[in-house]
C-alpha atoms as a PDB file:
ATOM      1  CA  UNK A   1      67.511  33.738 -78.364  1.00  0.00           C
ATOM      2  CA  UNK A   2      68.419  36.320 -80.911  1.00  0.00           C
ATOM      3  CA  UNK A   3      70.727  39.269 -80.581  1.00  0.00           C
ATOM      4  CA  UNK A   4      70.035  42.571 -82.452  1.00  0.00           C
ATOM      5  CA  UNK A   5      72.882  45.124 -82.458  1.00  0.00           C
ATOM      6  CA  UNK A   6      72.089  48.643 -83.626  1.00  0.00           C
ATOM      7  CA  UNK A   7      73.829  51.972 -83.664  1.00  0.00           C
ATOM      8  CA  UNK A   8      73.189  54.007 -80.505  1.00  0.00           C
ATOM      9  CA  UNK A   9      70.567  56.726 -81.284  1.00  0.00           C
ATOM     10  CA  UNK A  10      69.736  59.925 -79.295  1.00  0.00           C
ATOM     11  CA  UNK A  11      66.751  58.373 -77.495  1.00  0.00           C
ATOM     12  CA  UNK A  12      68.853  55.414 -76.178  1.00  0.00           C
ATOM     13  CA  UNK A  13      71.896  57.653 -75.472  1.00  0.00           C
ATOM     14  CA  UNK A  14      69.650  60.003 -73.351  1.00  0.00           C
ATOM     15  CA  UNK A  15      68.261  56.833 -71.524  1.00  0.00           C
ATOM     16  CA  UNK A  16      71.806  55.732 -70.739  1.00  0.00           C
ATOM     17  CA  UNK A  17      72.767  59.212 -69.543  1.00  0.00           C
ATOM     18  CA  UNK A  18      69.705  59.413 -67.186  1.00  0.00           C
ATOM     19  CA  UNK A  19      70.111  55.923 -65.696  1.00  0.00           C
ATOM     20  CA  UNK A  20      70.770  55.895 -61.967  1.00  0.00           C
ATOM     21  CA  UNK A  21      72.038  53.039 -59.839  1.00  0.00           C
ATOM     22  CA  UNK A  22      71.318  52.633 -56.198  1.00  0.00           C
ATOM     23  CA  UNK A  23      74.100  52.242 -53.646  1.00  0.00           C
ATOM     24  CA  UNK A  24      76.542  50.587 -53.647  1.00  0.00           C
ATOM     25  CA  UNK A  25      76.765  50.892 -57.401  1.00  0.00           C
ATOM     26  CA  UNK A  26      75.937  54.614 -57.478  1.00  0.00           C
ATOM     27  CA  UNK A  27      79.496  55.562 -58.351  1.00  0.00           C
ATOM     28  CA  UNK A  28      78.511  54.577 -61.911  1.00  0.00           C
ATOM     29  CA  UNK A  29      75.949  57.344 -62.075  1.00  0.00           C
ATOM     30  CA  UNK A  30      76.659  60.221 -64.481  1.00  0.00           C
ATOM     31  CA  UNK A  31      76.473  63.828 -63.296  1.00  0.00           C
ATOM     32  CA  UNK A  32      72.889  65.048 -63.743  1.00  0.00           C
ATOM     33  CA  UNK A  33      74.209  68.567 -64.538  1.00  0.00           C
ATOM     34  CA  UNK A  34      76.001  67.184 -67.599  1.00  0.00           C
ATOM     35  CA  UNK A  35      73.302  65.183 -69.362  1.00  0.00           C
ATOM     36  CA  UNK A  36      73.592  66.995 -72.689  1.00  0.00           C
ATOM     37  CA  UNK A  37      77.356  66.658 -72.764  1.00  0.00           C
ATOM     38  CA  UNK A  38      77.053  62.943 -71.949  1.00  0.00           C
ATOM     39  CA  UNK A  39      74.455  62.348 -74.665  1.00  0.00           C
ATOM     40  CA  UNK A  40      76.788  64.121 -77.241  1.00  0.00           C
ATOM     41  CA  UNK A  41      79.694  62.030 -75.983  1.00  0.00           C
ATOM     42  CA  UNK A  42      77.690  58.831 -76.457  1.00  0.00           C
ATOM     43  CA  UNK A  43      76.618  59.893 -79.979  1.00  0.00           C
ATOM     44  CA  UNK A  44      80.109  60.895 -81.172  1.00  0.00           C
ATOM     45  CA  UNK A  45      81.157  58.031 -83.543  1.00  0.00           C
ATOM     46  CA  UNK A  46      84.818  58.394 -82.391  1.00  0.00           C
ATOM     47  CA  UNK A  47      83.749  57.060 -78.948  1.00  0.00           C
ATOM     48  CA  UNK A  48      82.459  53.759 -80.356  1.00  0.00           C
ATOM     49  CA  UNK A  49      79.084  53.519 -78.641  1.00  0.00           C
END
């Protein structure tokens, strides 16, 4: 098994921001009205994603 670590890009940041969990884990879901803000947060290097 190999592990490949890459810097988070916009496509994957957007996929993370759009991910939705079913209950009972749905408290992890991000607000769908704030997708762009979440993507920018993920892409900001200071946030270490």
